Amino acid sequence: MNLPSYRIIGLSAALGSLLAVSSAGAEEKLTTPPTDTAGKPLNPPAPTGTTPKLVGISAFAGVAAIDMGPVNDRLDSAGPGRLYPKNLPILFPILGGQGFGLFNRFLIGGSGAGLLSRSVDESGDRQVSASGAWGTVDFGYQLIRVNGFLLAPVISLGGYGMSVTSSSKAEASFSEALQNDHSSHLTNNGFLTGISLVSKVILLGKNAHEAHARSGWSLGVRIGGLYGIPVHGWKSDGVKVNGDPPFGLRGGYAALSLGVGTW
């Protein structure tokens, strides 16, 4: 999936902020955010222009709870002798990144994350694993921005991909490994919507040239929900399979982020 243009703009601008913070660090000592808000606006608009003056970019890590119920129901009923007696887990570690720019009080950017593979050992020397990823364009509104602290609800639109693989753990010859029943790889893709709450603070920084802004290294939290709408059902090697369980990437996630920016 190609990176959204807003995300590329935010990335470039935030990298510029990173260089500015690094160069200015030798002249002005980085400090923790001030706690005094007396007389300061709690929600000042960002400077306007053709490119955002206030931007941020960060990497995040956390955990997502995904509804694997339809897939697990099918594993419960698949094959004689309970070939798949164990269910796939619903909790997945996630790694991702996000970038944004502030236009007046509106946040525009992009984000994406990967669901790291989780697997279970089944009977008959088989293993079932699941993994996935998503990418979105983000639209938010600044509720609070003061002393380097930012709070914004965000609506996301994009797409997702999910895969489930059933494979044999037993040793096999080259010819046996080429057989379809040695390993089966299923994929499911679709549109994705989401809603989240983003909170960030400039943990170590300095006052920026832009009014009411700070620039530096940030720590943040992002909590959200996802609702995926499949474009088609499950496919095996690009071919539609019959009788597949209904599935869309749906669930919630929470993540901590580390990055750099100016807001």
C-alpha atoms as a PDB file:
ATOM      1  CA  MET A   1       0.000   0.000   0.000  1.00  0.00           C
ATOM      2  CA  ASN A   2       1.446   3.367  -1.004  1.00  0.00           C
ATOM      3  CA  LEU A   3       2.107   5.996   1.666  1.00  0.00           C
ATOM      4  CA  PRO A   4      -0.570   8.748   1.742  1.00  0.00           C
ATOM      5  CA  SER A   5       0.698  12.084   0.456  1.00  0.00           C
ATOM      6  CA  TYR A   6      -0.185  13.772   3.753  1.00  0.00           C
ATOM      7  CA  ARG A   7       2.009  11.286   5.556  1.00  0.00           C
ATOM      8  CA  ILE A   8       4.940  12.025   3.241  1.00  0.00           C
ATOM      9  CA  ILE A   9       4.480  15.782   3.804  1.00  0.00           C
ATOM     10  CA  GLY A  10       4.331  15.274   7.558  1.00  0.00           C
ATOM     11  CA  LEU A  11       7.417  13.032   7.456  1.00  0.00           C
ATOM     12  CA  SER A  12       9.473  15.589   5.541  1.00  0.00           C
ATOM     13  CA  ALA A  13       8.399  18.472   7.748  1.00  0.00           C
ATOM     14  CA  ALA A  14       8.984  16.506  10.947  1.00  0.00           C
ATOM     15  CA  LEU A  15      12.469  15.493   9.825  1.00  0.00           C
ATOM     16  CA  GLY A  16      13.152  19.180   9.340  1.00  0.00           C
ATOM     17  CA  SER A  17      11.950  19.784  12.888  1.00  0.00           C
ATOM     18  CA  LEU A  18      14.270  17.019  14.111  1.00  0.00           C
ATOM     19  CA  LEU A  19      17.279  18.703  12.505  1.00  0.00           C
ATOM     20  CA  ALA A  20      16.226  22.037  13.964  1.00  0.00           C
ATOM     21  CA  VAL A  21      15.901  20.548  17.442  1.00  0.00           C
ATOM     22  CA  SER A  22      19.296  18.847  17.172  1.00  0.00           C
ATOM     23  CA  SER A  23      21.090  21.990  15.973  1.00  0.00           C
ATOM     24  CA  ALA A  24      19.380  24.238  18.503  1.00  0.00           C
ATOM     25  CA  GLY A  25      20.097  21.842  21.322  1.00  0.00           C
ATOM     26  CA  ALA A  26      23.709  23.083  21.415  1.00  0.00           C
ATOM     27  CA  GLU A  27      22.526  26.662  21.922  1.00  0.00           C
ATOM     28  CA  GLU A  28      19.492  26.180  24.143  1.00  0.00           C
ATOM     29  CA  LYS A  29      19.108  23.481  26.752  1.00  0.00           C
ATOM     30  CA  LEU A  30      16.184  21.112  26.286  1.00  0.00           C
ATOM     31  CA  THR A  31      13.729  21.187  29.179  1.00  0.00           C
ATOM     32  CA  THR A  32      10.700  19.275  30.372  1.00  0.00           C
ATOM     33  CA  PRO A  33       7.296  20.816  29.632  1.00  0.00           C
ATOM     34  CA  PRO A  34       6.265  23.673  31.933  1.00  0.00           C
ATOM     35  CA  THR A  35       3.253  23.061  34.141  1.00  0.00           C
ATOM     36  CA  ASP A  36       2.105  26.678  34.459  1.00  0.00           C
ATOM     37  CA  THR A  37      -0.779  27.422  32.069  1.00  0.00           C
ATOM     38  CA  ALA A  38      -1.907  30.695  33.637  1.00  0.00           C
ATOM     39  CA  GLY A  39      -2.696  33.257  30.958  1.00  0.00           C
ATOM     40  CA  LYS A  40      -1.888  30.804  28.141  1.00  0.00           C
ATOM     41  CA  PRO A  41      -4.471  29.777  25.505  1.00  0.00           C
ATOM     42  CA  LEU A  42      -5.406  26.104  25.854  1.00  0.00           C
ATOM     43  CA  ASN A  43      -6.349  25.627  22.203  1.00  0.00           C
ATOM     44  CA  PRO A  44      -4.566  28.164  19.956  1.00  0.00           C
ATOM     45  CA  PRO A  45      -4.866  27.631  16.184  1.00  0.00           C
ATOM     46  CA  ALA A  46      -1.779  26.500  14.303  1.00  0.00           C
ATOM     47  CA  PRO A  47      -0.193  28.945  11.836  1.00  0.00           C
ATOM     48  CA  THR A  48      -1.668  28.564   8.364  1.00  0.00           C
ATOM     49  CA  GLY A  49       0.182  28.167   5.078  1.00  0.00           C
ATOM     50  CA  THR A  50       0.694  25.908   2.087  1.00  0.00           C
ATOM     51  CA  THR A  51       2.632  23.472   4.297  1.00  0.00           C
ATOM     52  CA  PRO A  52       2.060  22.818   8.004  1.00  0.00           C
ATOM     53  CA  LYS A  53       4.283  24.706  10.444  1.00  0.00           C
ATOM     54  CA  LEU A  54       3.372  22.376  13.332  1.00  0.00           C
ATOM     55  CA  VAL A  55       4.093  18.704  12.631  1.00  0.00           C
ATOM     56  CA  GLY A  56       4.978  15.431  14.308  1.00  0.00           C
ATOM     57  CA  ILE A  57       6.281  11.994  13.434  1.00  0.00           C
ATOM     58  CA  SER A  58       6.665   8.991  15.696  1.00  0.00           C
ATOM     59  CA  ALA A  59       6.936   5.242  15.946  1.00  0.00           C
ATOM     60  CA  PHE A  60       4.582   3.322  18.194  1.00  0.00           C
ATOM     61  CA  ALA A  61       4.287  -0.109  19.761  1.00  0.00           C
ATOM     62  CA  GLY A  62       1.407  -1.712  21.617  1.00  0.00           C
ATOM     63  CA  VAL A  63      -1.197  -4.420  21.524  1.00  0.00           C
ATOM     64  CA  ALA A  64      -4.372  -4.975  19.498  1.00  0.00           C
ATOM     65  CA  ALA A  65      -7.359  -7.170  20.324  1.00  0.00           C
ATOM     66  CA  ILE A  66      -8.805  -8.538  17.060  1.00  0.00           C
ATOM     67  CA  ASP A  67     -12.057 -10.459  16.672  1.00  0.00           C
ATOM     68  CA  MET A  68     -10.860 -13.851  15.410  1.00  0.00           C
ATOM     69  CA  GLY A  69     -14.167 -15.521  16.342  1.00  0.00           C
ATOM     70  CA  PRO A  70     -15.339 -16.458  12.819  1.00  0.00           C
ATOM     71  CA  VAL A  71     -11.951 -18.001  11.974  1.00  0.00           C
ATOM     72  CA  ASN A  72     -11.744 -19.879  15.270  1.00  0.00           C
ATOM     73  CA  ASP A  73     -15.284 -21.192  14.828  1.00  0.00           C
ATOM     74  CA  ARG A  74     -14.227 -22.655  11.496  1.00  0.00           C
ATOM     75  CA  LEU A  75     -11.073 -24.169  13.024  1.00  0.00           C
ATOM     76  CA  ASP A  76     -13.250 -25.823  15.670  1.00  0.00           C
ATOM     77  CA  SER A  77     -15.371 -27.523  13.029  1.00  0.00           C
ATOM     78  CA  ALA A  78     -12.685 -28.261  10.418  1.00  0.00           C
ATOM     79  CA  GLY A  79     -11.458 -31.758   9.720  1.00  0.00           C
ATOM     80  CA  PRO A  80     -12.163 -35.113  11.344  1.00  0.00           C
ATOM     81  CA  GLY A  81     -10.628 -35.944  14.678  1.00  0.00           C
ATOM     82  CA  ARG A  82     -10.338 -32.287  15.697  1.00  0.00           C
ATOM     83  CA  LEU A  83      -7.343 -31.481  13.521  1.00  0.00           C
ATOM     84  CA  TYR A  84      -7.475 -27.923  14.908  1.00  0.00           C
ATOM     85  CA  PRO A  85      -8.345 -28.252  18.620  1.00  0.00           C
ATOM     86  CA  LYS A  86      -6.763 -24.901  19.577  1.00  0.00           C
ATOM     87  CA  ASN A  87      -7.968 -21.405  18.782  1.00  0.00           C
ATOM     88  CA  LEU A  88      -5.898 -18.554  17.424  1.00  0.00           C
ATOM     89  CA  PRO A  89      -5.201 -15.846  20.025  1.00  0.00           C
ATOM     90  CA  ILE A  90      -7.031 -12.537  19.793  1.00  0.00           C
ATOM     91  CA  LEU A  91      -4.189 -10.377  21.164  1.00  0.00           C
ATOM     92  CA  PHE A  92      -1.497  -9.278  18.692  1.00  0.00           C
ATOM     93  CA  PRO A  93       1.601  -7.151  19.316  1.00  0.00           C
ATOM     94  CA  ILE A  94       1.647  -4.165  16.948  1.00  0.00           C
ATOM     95  CA  LEU A  95       4.444  -1.999  15.565  1.00  0.00           C
ATOM     96  CA  GLY A  96       3.755   1.083  13.474  1.00  0.00           C
ATOM     97  CA  GLY A  97       4.286   4.740  12.757  1.00  0.00           C
ATOM     98  CA  GLN A  98       2.297   7.936  12.419  1.00  0.00           C
ATOM     99  CA  GLY A  99       2.863  11.419  11.014  1.00  0.00           C
ATOM    100  CA  PHE A 100       0.683  14.532  10.970  1.00  0.00           C
ATOM    101  CA  GLY A 101       0.509  18.248  10.345  1.00  0.00           C
ATOM    102  CA  LEU A 102      -1.713  20.820  12.045  1.00  0.00           C
ATOM    103  CA  PHE A 103      -3.752  23.187   9.871  1.00  0.00           C
ATOM    104  CA  ASN A 104      -5.469  25.770  12.068  1.00  0.00           C
ATOM    105  CA  ARG A 105      -7.024  23.322  14.573  1.00  0.00           C
ATOM    106  CA  PHE A 106      -7.303  20.389  12.151  1.00  0.00           C
ATOM    107  CA  LEU A 107      -4.921  17.437  12.170  1.00  0.00           C
ATOM    108  CA  ILE A 108      -4.204  15.706   8.846  1.00  0.00           C
ATOM    109  CA  GLY A 109      -1.764  12.841   8.483  1.00  0.00           C
ATOM    110  CA  GLY A 110      -1.379   9.108   8.105  1.00  0.00           C
ATOM    111  CA  SER A 111      -0.561   6.024  10.119  1.00  0.00           C
ATOM    112  CA  GLY A 112       0.029   2.338   9.669  1.00  0.00           C
ATOM    113  CA  ALA A 113       0.817  -0.718  11.743  1.00  0.00           C
ATOM    114  CA  GLY A 114       1.620  -4.391  11.450  1.00  0.00           C
ATOM    115  CA  LEU A 115       0.036  -7.145  13.515  1.00  0.00           C
ATOM    116  CA  LEU A 116       2.941  -9.392  14.461  1.00  0.00           C
ATOM    117  CA  SER A 117       2.342 -13.069  13.791  1.00  0.00           C
ATOM    118  CA  ARG A 118       0.721 -15.236  16.467  1.00  0.00           C
ATOM    119  CA  SER A 119       0.581 -19.019  16.120  1.00  0.00           C
ATOM    120  CA  VAL A 120      -0.721 -22.149  17.833  1.00  0.00           C
ATOM    121  CA  ASP A 121       0.430 -25.765  17.535  1.00  0.00           C
ATOM    122  CA  GLU A 122      -2.343 -28.074  16.405  1.00  0.00           C
ATOM    123  CA  SER A 123      -2.651 -31.846  16.236  1.00  0.00           C
ATOM    124  CA  GLY A 124      -1.149 -33.794  13.372  1.00  0.00           C
ATOM    125  CA  ASP A 125       2.125 -31.819  13.459  1.00  0.00           C
ATOM    126  CA  ARG A 126       0.404 -28.725  12.100  1.00  0.00           C
ATOM    127  CA  GLN A 127       0.702 -25.085  13.051  1.00  0.00           C
ATOM    128  CA  VAL A 128      -1.740 -22.259  12.383  1.00  0.00           C
ATOM    129  CA  SER A 129      -0.578 -18.649  12.413  1.00  0.00           C
ATOM    130  CA  ALA A 130      -2.190 -15.273  11.752  1.00  0.00           C
ATOM    131  CA  SER A 131      -0.790 -11.823  10.993  1.00  0.00           C
ATOM    132  CA  GLY A 132      -1.893  -8.610   9.334  1.00  0.00           C
ATOM    133  CA  ALA A 133      -1.357  -4.925   8.687  1.00  0.00           C
ATOM    134  CA  TRP A 134      -3.275  -1.710   8.067  1.00  0.00           C
ATOM    135  CA  GLY A 135      -2.668   1.765   6.701  1.00  0.00           C
ATOM    136  CA  THR A 136      -4.891   4.847   6.935  1.00  0.00           C
ATOM    137  CA  VAL A 137      -5.211   8.544   6.244  1.00  0.00           C
ATOM    138  CA  ASP A 138      -6.054  10.371   9.480  1.00  0.00           C
ATOM    139  CA  PHE A 139      -8.313  13.385  10.073  1.00  0.00           C
ATOM    140  CA  GLY A 140      -8.464  14.900  13.553  1.00  0.00           C
ATOM    141  CA  TYR A 141      -9.360  17.993  15.535  1.00  0.00           C
ATOM    142  CA  GLN A 142      -7.164  19.633  18.138  1.00  0.00           C
ATOM    143  CA  LEU A 143      -8.965  19.809  21.478  1.00  0.00           C
ATOM    144  CA  ILE A 144      -6.040  20.969  23.631  1.00  0.00           C
ATOM    145  CA  ARG A 145      -2.606  22.347  22.707  1.00  0.00           C
ATOM    146  CA  VAL A 146      -0.651  24.008  25.488  1.00  0.00           C
ATOM    147  CA  ASN A 147       2.965  23.775  26.748  1.00  0.00           C
ATOM    148  CA  GLY A 148       3.768  21.080  24.194  1.00  0.00           C
ATOM    149  CA  PHE A 149       0.770  18.933  25.133  1.00  0.00           C
ATOM    150  CA  LEU A 150      -1.617  17.893  22.350  1.00  0.00           C
ATOM    151  CA  LEU A 151      -4.948  16.057  22.585  1.00  0.00           C
ATOM    152  CA  ALA A 152      -7.000  15.221  19.486  1.00  0.00           C
ATOM    153  CA  PRO A 153      -9.719  12.748  18.458  1.00  0.00           C
ATOM    154  CA  VAL A 154      -8.969  11.200  15.053  1.00  0.00           C
ATOM    155  CA  ILE A 155     -11.046   9.521  12.339  1.00  0.00           C
ATOM    156  CA  SER A 156      -9.129   7.155  10.029  1.00  0.00           C
ATOM    157  CA  LEU A 157      -9.879   5.766   6.556  1.00  0.00           C
ATOM    158  CA  GLY A 158      -7.779   3.221   4.712  1.00  0.00           C
ATOM    159  CA  GLY A 159      -7.325  -0.475   4.135  1.00  0.00           C
ATOM    160  CA  TYR A 160      -6.161  -3.677   5.792  1.00  0.00           C
ATOM    161  CA  GLY A 161      -4.783  -7.090   4.977  1.00  0.00           C
ATOM    162  CA  MET A 162      -5.010 -10.239   7.087  1.00  0.00           C
ATOM    163  CA  SER A 163      -3.506 -13.675   6.526  1.00  0.00           C
ATOM    164  CA  VAL A 164      -3.943 -17.097   8.101  1.00  0.00           C
ATOM    165  CA  THR A 165      -1.503 -19.914   7.359  1.00  0.00           C
ATOM    166  CA  SER A 166      -1.822 -23.606   8.174  1.00  0.00           C
ATOM    167  CA  SER A 167       1.417 -25.526   7.702  1.00  0.00           C
ATOM    168  CA  SER A 168       3.002 -28.827   8.616  1.00  0.00           C
ATOM    169  CA  LYS A 169       5.891 -28.785  11.072  1.00  0.00           C
ATOM    170  CA  ALA A 170       7.091 -32.217   9.973  1.00  0.00           C
ATOM    171  CA  GLU A 171      10.131 -32.591   7.751  1.00  0.00           C
ATOM    172  CA  ALA A 172       9.263 -33.067   4.091  1.00  0.00           C
ATOM    173  CA  SER A 173      10.993 -33.710   0.820  1.00  0.00           C
ATOM    174  CA  PHE A 174      11.158 -31.015  -1.827  1.00  0.00           C
ATOM    175  CA  SER A 175       8.330 -32.681  -3.777  1.00  0.00           C
ATOM    176  CA  GLU A 176       6.175 -33.017  -0.682  1.00  0.00           C
ATOM    177  CA  ALA A 177       6.767 -29.349   0.205  1.00  0.00           C
ATOM    178  CA  LEU A 178       5.358 -28.362  -3.185  1.00  0.00           C
ATOM    179  CA  GLN A 179       2.066 -30.097  -2.491  1.00  0.00           C
ATOM    180  CA  ASN A 180      -0.888 -27.881  -1.594  1.00  0.00           C
ATOM    181  CA  ASP A 181      -1.770 -29.860   1.518  1.00  0.00           C
ATOM    182  CA  HIS A 182       1.661 -29.227   3.063  1.00  0.00           C
ATOM    183  CA  SER A 183       0.885 -25.526   3.589  1.00  0.00           C
ATOM    184  CA  SER A 184      -2.193 -23.380   3.011  1.00  0.00           C
ATOM    185  CA  HIS A 185      -2.043 -19.597   2.975  1.00  0.00           C
ATOM    186  CA  LEU A 186      -5.313 -17.612   3.148  1.00  0.00           C
ATOM    187  CA  THR A 187      -5.645 -13.848   2.774  1.00  0.00           C
ATOM    188  CA  ASN A 188      -8.428 -11.355   3.439  1.00  0.00           C
ATOM    189  CA  ASN A 189      -8.312  -7.680   2.378  1.00  0.00           C
ATOM    190  CA  GLY A 190     -10.704  -4.778   2.700  1.00  0.00           C
ATOM    191  CA  PHE A 191     -11.490  -1.193   3.587  1.00  0.00           C
ATOM    192  CA  LEU A 192     -10.838   0.050   7.101  1.00  0.00           C
ATOM    193  CA  THR A 193     -12.382   2.755   9.242  1.00  0.00           C
ATOM    194  CA  GLY A 194     -11.292   3.719  12.707  1.00  0.00           C
ATOM    195  CA  ILE A 195     -11.618   6.200  15.516  1.00  0.00           C
ATOM    196  CA  SER A 196      -8.930   6.982  18.054  1.00  0.00           C
ATOM    197  CA  LEU A 197      -7.770   9.421  20.688  1.00  0.00           C
ATOM    198  CA  VAL A 198      -4.216  10.744  20.310  1.00  0.00           C
ATOM    199  CA  SER A 199      -2.373  12.344  23.209  1.00  0.00           C
ATOM    200  CA  LYS A 200       1.200  13.651  22.909  1.00  0.00           C
ATOM    201  CA  VAL A 201       3.577  15.767  24.949  1.00  0.00           C
ATOM    202  CA  ILE A 202       6.964  17.289  24.114  1.00  0.00           C
ATOM    203  CA  LEU A 203       8.918  15.492  26.814  1.00  0.00           C
ATOM    204  CA  LEU A 204      12.259  17.229  26.178  1.00  0.00           C
ATOM    205  CA  GLY A 205      12.163  20.387  24.112  1.00  0.00           C
ATOM    206  CA  LYS A 206      12.337  24.131  23.795  1.00  0.00           C
ATOM    207  CA  ASN A 207      10.056  26.995  22.822  1.00  0.00           C
ATOM    208  CA  ALA A 208       9.570  27.107  19.064  1.00  0.00           C
ATOM    209  CA  HIS A 209       9.521  30.179  16.804  1.00  0.00           C
ATOM    210  CA  GLU A 210       5.824  29.538  16.148  1.00  0.00           C
ATOM    211  CA  ALA A 211       3.581  31.165  18.737  1.00  0.00           C
ATOM    212  CA  HIS A 212       2.430  28.940  21.622  1.00  0.00           C
ATOM    213  CA  ALA A 213       4.446  25.929  20.395  1.00  0.00           C
ATOM    214  CA  ARG A 214       7.281  23.761  21.644  1.00  0.00           C
ATOM    215  CA  SER A 215       9.702  21.662  19.642  1.00  0.00           C
ATOM    216  CA  GLY A 216      11.518  18.518  20.718  1.00  0.00           C
ATOM    217  CA  TRP A 217      11.230  14.838  21.551  1.00  0.00           C
ATOM    218  CA  SER A 218       7.758  13.508  22.255  1.00  0.00           C
ATOM    219  CA  LEU A 219       6.035  10.752  24.195  1.00  0.00           C
ATOM    220  CA  GLY A 220       2.461   9.803  23.372  1.00  0.00           C
ATOM    221  CA  VAL A 221      -0.457   7.432  23.752  1.00  0.00           C
ATOM    222  CA  ARG A 222      -2.931   6.347  21.076  1.00  0.00           C
ATOM    223  CA  ILE A 223      -6.088   4.354  21.867  1.00  0.00           C
ATOM    224  CA  GLY A 224      -8.545   3.409  19.157  1.00  0.00           C
ATOM    225  CA  GLY A 225     -11.004   1.051  17.532  1.00  0.00           C
ATOM    226  CA  LEU A 226     -11.003  -0.502  14.040  1.00  0.00           C
ATOM    227  CA  TYR A 227     -13.815  -1.675  11.789  1.00  0.00           C
ATOM    228  CA  GLY A 228     -12.886  -3.463   8.569  1.00  0.00           C
ATOM    229  CA  ILE A 229     -15.198  -4.117   5.614  1.00  0.00           C
ATOM    230  CA  PRO A 230     -13.911  -6.968   3.405  1.00  0.00           C
ATOM    231  CA  VAL A 231     -13.654  -6.371  -0.338  1.00  0.00           C
ATOM    232  CA  HIS A 232     -14.058 -10.093  -0.916  1.00  0.00           C
ATOM    233  CA  GLY A 233     -13.924 -13.256   1.162  1.00  0.00           C
ATOM    234  CA  TRP A 234     -10.855 -15.302   1.914  1.00  0.00           C
ATOM    235  CA  LYS A 235      -8.552 -16.238  -0.948  1.00  0.00           C
ATOM    236  CA  SER A 236      -5.947 -18.988  -1.279  1.00  0.00           C
ATOM    237  CA  ASP A 237      -3.053 -18.016  -3.563  1.00  0.00           C
ATOM    238  CA  GLY A 238      -5.286 -15.370  -5.109  1.00  0.00           C
ATOM    239  CA  VAL A 239      -8.188 -17.758  -5.771  1.00  0.00           C
ATOM    240  CA  LYS A 240     -11.514 -17.327  -3.985  1.00  0.00           C
ATOM    241  CA  VAL A 241     -12.381 -20.164  -1.613  1.00  0.00           C
ATOM    242  CA  ASN A 242     -15.929 -21.384  -1.017  1.00  0.00           C
ATOM    243  CA  GLY A 243     -17.655 -21.598   2.340  1.00  0.00           C
ATOM    244  CA  ASP A 244     -15.230 -19.202   3.981  1.00  0.00           C
ATOM    245  CA  PRO A 245     -16.092 -17.615   7.353  1.00  0.00           C
ATOM    246  CA  PRO A 246     -17.143 -13.927   7.317  1.00  0.00           C
ATOM    247  CA  PHE A 247     -14.291 -11.727   8.503  1.00  0.00           C
ATOM    248  CA  GLY A 248     -13.227  -8.089   8.666  1.00  0.00           C
ATOM    249  CA  LEU A 249     -10.364  -6.639  10.696  1.00  0.00           C
ATOM    250  CA  ARG A 250     -12.285  -5.452  13.754  1.00  0.00           C
ATOM    251  CA  GLY A 251     -11.147  -4.704  17.269  1.00  0.00           C
ATOM    252  CA  GLY A 252      -9.293  -2.178  19.384  1.00  0.00           C
ATOM    253  CA  TYR A 253      -5.728  -1.225  20.189  1.00  0.00           C
ATOM    254  CA  ALA A 254      -3.572   0.790  22.577  1.00  0.00           C
ATOM    255  CA  ALA A 255      -0.030   1.949  21.878  1.00  0.00           C
ATOM    256  CA  LEU A 256       2.802   4.105  23.223  1.00  0.00           C
ATOM    257  CA  SER A 257       4.666   6.354  20.777  1.00  0.00           C
ATOM    258  CA  LEU A 258       8.084   7.985  20.696  1.00  0.00           C
ATOM    259  CA  GLY A 259       8.958  10.662  18.197  1.00  0.00           C
ATOM    260  CA  VAL A 260       9.824  14.235  17.413  1.00  0.00           C
ATOM    261  CA  GLY A 261       7.852  17.279  16.387  1.00  0.00           C
ATOM    262  CA  THR A 262       6.727  20.847  16.908  1.00  0.00           C
ATOM    263  CA  TRP A 263       3.298  21.769  18.289  1.00  0.00           C
END
